[in-house]
């Protein structure tokens, strides 16, 4: 790791601190469970709105349309054009049969 200092004493490193957000991502053909990394004090939405073509996902498990696990990998780059929706895992709630009260 390199540390650089400017004339005012502020330091810069090659390491970028990020927060880990467990998410579920629906693409056109797959469901992905994994971790998206955001900068401190930024929302998941801020990360999703970046102009980069691909979204980095770590600890990814990829499921097909039948719910069968197809792949498991430490790093996955998802084309943002194919993302339909993203849900933070902490926002998930179990649905009740029948959908009523």
C-alpha atoms as a PDB file:
ATOM      1  CA  UNK A   1       0.000   0.000   0.000  1.00  0.00           C
ATOM      2  CA  UNK A   2       1.323   3.421  -0.920  1.00  0.00           C
ATOM      3  CA  UNK A   3       0.602   6.541   1.066  1.00  0.00           C
ATOM      4  CA  UNK A   4       1.045   9.965  -0.523  1.00  0.00           C
ATOM      5  CA  UNK A   5       0.925  13.296   1.317  1.00  0.00           C
ATOM      6  CA  UNK A   6       0.098  16.685  -0.165  1.00  0.00           C
ATOM      7  CA  UNK A   7       1.584  20.014   0.945  1.00  0.00           C
ATOM      8  CA  UNK A   8      -1.138  20.447   3.591  1.00  0.00           C
ATOM      9  CA  UNK A   9      -0.457  17.057   5.179  1.00  0.00           C
ATOM     10  CA  UNK A  10      -3.536  15.327   3.799  1.00  0.00           C
ATOM     11  CA  UNK A  11      -2.765  11.712   2.916  1.00  0.00           C
ATOM     12  CA  UNK A  12      -3.983   9.548   0.055  1.00  0.00           C
ATOM     13  CA  UNK A  13      -3.833   5.754  -0.223  1.00  0.00           C
ATOM     14  CA  UNK A  14      -4.600   3.197  -2.912  1.00  0.00           C
ATOM     15  CA  UNK A  15      -7.137   1.579  -0.585  1.00  0.00           C
ATOM     16  CA  UNK A  16     -10.755   2.714  -0.888  1.00  0.00           C
ATOM     17  CA  UNK A  17     -12.928   2.042   2.148  1.00  0.00           C
ATOM     18  CA  UNK A  18     -16.343   0.645   1.265  1.00  0.00           C
ATOM     19  CA  UNK A  19     -19.381  -0.710   3.081  1.00  0.00           C
ATOM     20  CA  UNK A  20     -20.773  -4.110   2.118  1.00  0.00           C
ATOM     21  CA  UNK A  21     -24.484  -4.393   1.287  1.00  0.00           C
ATOM     22  CA  UNK A  22     -25.987  -7.897   0.893  1.00  0.00           C
ATOM     23  CA  UNK A  23     -28.408  -7.774  -2.072  1.00  0.00           C
ATOM     24  CA  UNK A  24     -30.635  -9.821  -4.349  1.00  0.00           C
ATOM     25  CA  UNK A  25     -30.395  -8.808  -8.017  1.00  0.00           C
ATOM     26  CA  UNK A  26     -32.897  -9.870 -10.691  1.00  0.00           C
ATOM     27  CA  UNK A  27     -31.563  -9.858 -14.245  1.00  0.00           C
ATOM     28  CA  UNK A  28     -33.413 -10.834 -17.392  1.00  0.00           C
ATOM     29  CA  UNK A  29     -32.535 -14.512 -16.872  1.00  0.00           C
ATOM     30  CA  UNK A  30     -30.944 -14.997 -13.451  1.00  0.00           C
ATOM     31  CA  UNK A  31     -31.405 -14.199  -9.776  1.00  0.00           C
ATOM     32  CA  UNK A  32     -28.166 -13.209  -8.040  1.00  0.00           C
ATOM     33  CA  UNK A  33     -27.479 -13.172  -4.304  1.00  0.00           C
ATOM     34  CA  UNK A  34     -24.290 -11.329  -3.389  1.00  0.00           C
ATOM     35  CA  UNK A  35     -22.571  -8.275  -1.955  1.00  0.00           C
ATOM     36  CA  UNK A  36     -22.432  -4.815  -3.514  1.00  0.00           C
ATOM     37  CA  UNK A  37     -19.907  -2.366  -2.092  1.00  0.00           C
ATOM     38  CA  UNK A  38     -20.736   1.294  -1.496  1.00  0.00           C
ATOM     39  CA  UNK A  39     -18.608   4.173  -0.289  1.00  0.00           C
ATOM     40  CA  UNK A  40     -19.221   5.175   3.337  1.00  0.00           C
ATOM     41  CA  UNK A  41     -22.243   7.464   3.786  1.00  0.00           C
ATOM     42  CA  UNK A  42     -23.561   6.672   0.293  1.00  0.00           C
ATOM     43  CA  UNK A  43     -26.730   4.772  -0.525  1.00  0.00           C
ATOM     44  CA  UNK A  44     -27.021   1.617  -2.590  1.00  0.00           C
ATOM     45  CA  UNK A  45     -28.950   3.752  -5.075  1.00  0.00           C
ATOM     46  CA  UNK A  46     -25.902   6.004  -5.475  1.00  0.00           C
ATOM     47  CA  UNK A  47     -23.787   2.979  -6.437  1.00  0.00           C
ATOM     48  CA  UNK A  48     -26.449   1.766  -8.870  1.00  0.00           C
ATOM     49  CA  UNK A  49     -26.656   5.189 -10.538  1.00  0.00           C
ATOM     50  CA  UNK A  50     -22.946   5.380 -11.433  1.00  0.00           C
ATOM     51  CA  UNK A  51     -22.163   5.751 -15.136  1.00  0.00           C
ATOM     52  CA  UNK A  52     -20.066   2.567 -15.198  1.00  0.00           C
ATOM     53  CA  UNK A  53     -21.355  -0.188 -17.506  1.00  0.00           C
ATOM     54  CA  UNK A  54     -20.841  -2.993 -14.970  1.00  0.00           C
ATOM     55  CA  UNK A  55     -21.750  -3.453 -11.305  1.00  0.00           C
ATOM     56  CA  UNK A  56     -19.251  -5.374  -9.177  1.00  0.00           C
ATOM     57  CA  UNK A  57     -20.785  -8.116  -7.012  1.00  0.00           C
ATOM     58  CA  UNK A  58     -18.763 -10.287  -4.629  1.00  0.00           C
ATOM     59  CA  UNK A  59     -19.608 -13.628  -2.989  1.00  0.00           C
ATOM     60  CA  UNK A  60     -22.157 -14.174  -5.769  1.00  0.00           C
ATOM     61  CA  UNK A  61     -24.535 -17.104  -6.063  1.00  0.00           C
ATOM     62  CA  UNK A  62     -26.404 -17.227  -9.370  1.00  0.00           C
ATOM     63  CA  UNK A  63     -29.742 -19.020  -9.703  1.00  0.00           C
ATOM     64  CA  UNK A  64     -31.594 -19.891 -12.912  1.00  0.00           C
ATOM     65  CA  UNK A  65     -35.319 -19.360 -13.560  1.00  0.00           C
ATOM     66  CA  UNK A  66     -36.140 -22.663 -11.799  1.00  0.00           C
ATOM     67  CA  UNK A  67     -34.366 -21.536  -8.620  1.00  0.00           C
ATOM     68  CA  UNK A  68     -31.502 -23.982  -9.104  1.00  0.00           C
ATOM     69  CA  UNK A  69     -28.039 -22.781  -8.179  1.00  0.00           C
ATOM     70  CA  UNK A  70     -26.016 -22.506 -11.396  1.00  0.00           C
ATOM     71  CA  UNK A  71     -22.816 -20.764 -10.316  1.00  0.00           C
ATOM     72  CA  UNK A  72     -20.981 -19.578  -7.233  1.00  0.00           C
ATOM     73  CA  UNK A  73     -18.081 -17.126  -7.490  1.00  0.00           C
ATOM     74  CA  UNK A  74     -16.100 -14.653  -5.414  1.00  0.00           C
ATOM     75  CA  UNK A  75     -16.423 -11.876  -8.030  1.00  0.00           C
ATOM     76  CA  UNK A  76     -19.042 -11.156 -10.668  1.00  0.00           C
ATOM     77  CA  UNK A  77     -19.389  -8.166 -12.972  1.00  0.00           C
ATOM     78  CA  UNK A  78     -23.044  -7.590 -13.927  1.00  0.00           C
ATOM     79  CA  UNK A  79     -23.994  -5.522 -16.971  1.00  0.00           C
ATOM     80  CA  UNK A  80     -26.246  -2.774 -15.599  1.00  0.00           C
ATOM     81  CA  UNK A  81     -28.394  -2.871 -18.765  1.00  0.00           C
ATOM     82  CA  UNK A  82     -29.594  -6.355 -17.767  1.00  0.00           C
ATOM     83  CA  UNK A  83     -30.588  -5.518 -14.184  1.00  0.00           C
ATOM     84  CA  UNK A  84     -34.348  -5.449 -13.632  1.00  0.00           C
ATOM     85  CA  UNK A  85     -34.365  -4.819  -9.875  1.00  0.00           C
ATOM     86  CA  UNK A  86     -32.142  -4.851  -6.781  1.00  0.00           C
ATOM     87  CA  UNK A  87     -33.297  -5.428  -3.201  1.00  0.00           C
ATOM     88  CA  UNK A  88     -31.082  -5.058  -0.129  1.00  0.00           C
ATOM     89  CA  UNK A  89     -31.439  -8.294   1.867  1.00  0.00           C
ATOM     90  CA  UNK A  90     -32.365  -6.290   4.982  1.00  0.00           C
ATOM     91  CA  UNK A  91     -35.484  -5.085   3.120  1.00  0.00           C
ATOM     92  CA  UNK A  92     -36.750  -8.589   2.305  1.00  0.00           C
ATOM     93  CA  UNK A  93     -39.808  -9.900   4.098  1.00  0.00           C
ATOM     94  CA  UNK A  94     -41.376 -13.314   3.739  1.00  0.00           C
ATOM     95  CA  UNK A  95     -44.671 -13.246   1.846  1.00  0.00           C
ATOM     96  CA  UNK A  96     -47.654 -14.998   3.328  1.00  0.00           C
ATOM     97  CA  UNK A  97     -49.640 -17.630   1.356  1.00  0.00           C
ATOM     98  CA  UNK A  98     -52.770 -16.123  -0.170  1.00  0.00           C
ATOM     99  CA  UNK A  99     -51.348 -12.593  -0.014  1.00  0.00           C
ATOM    100  CA  UNK A 100     -54.050 -11.439   2.400  1.00  0.00           C
ATOM    101  CA  UNK A 101     -54.127 -10.171   5.957  1.00  0.00           C
END
